Amino acid sequence: MIVGVAYAKPTVQVWKNVDVPETATARDAIEKSGLLDQFPEIDLSRQKIGIFGQICPLEKPLKEGDRVEIYRPIHPEAELLEKKS
C-alpha cells in the first residue's frame, strides 16, 4: 500500500510516498522513507508524530493513503524569535 511521510523545517518541506506492507506501522513508513538518514536531527524518541494532524504512537497501524507527519519540537520562545527576524 502507498502512504506518505512528511517532515518540514523552516527552509525545506519533504513529502515522500512509500510502498509498505498492509501490516506496516507509522514507524515502518518513517524508516522506509529515508527521512531519518536525510535529516539526522529527527529523534523519534523525543519528537511526536501524527497521521493527518492527529498525534499517534509510532506503532499505529497504517491504512492506504495515510500521511504520516513528523513534528518538530516547538521552541518555547518561537513567537519572539519570529518577531526578531
Foldseek 3Di string as FASTA:
>chain_A
DWEWEWEDDPVDIDIDIDDDDQFDFQLRVVVRRCVCVVDVVQDLVPWFKDWPPHTDHRRHGDDPHIYIYTDDDDDPCNVVVVVVD
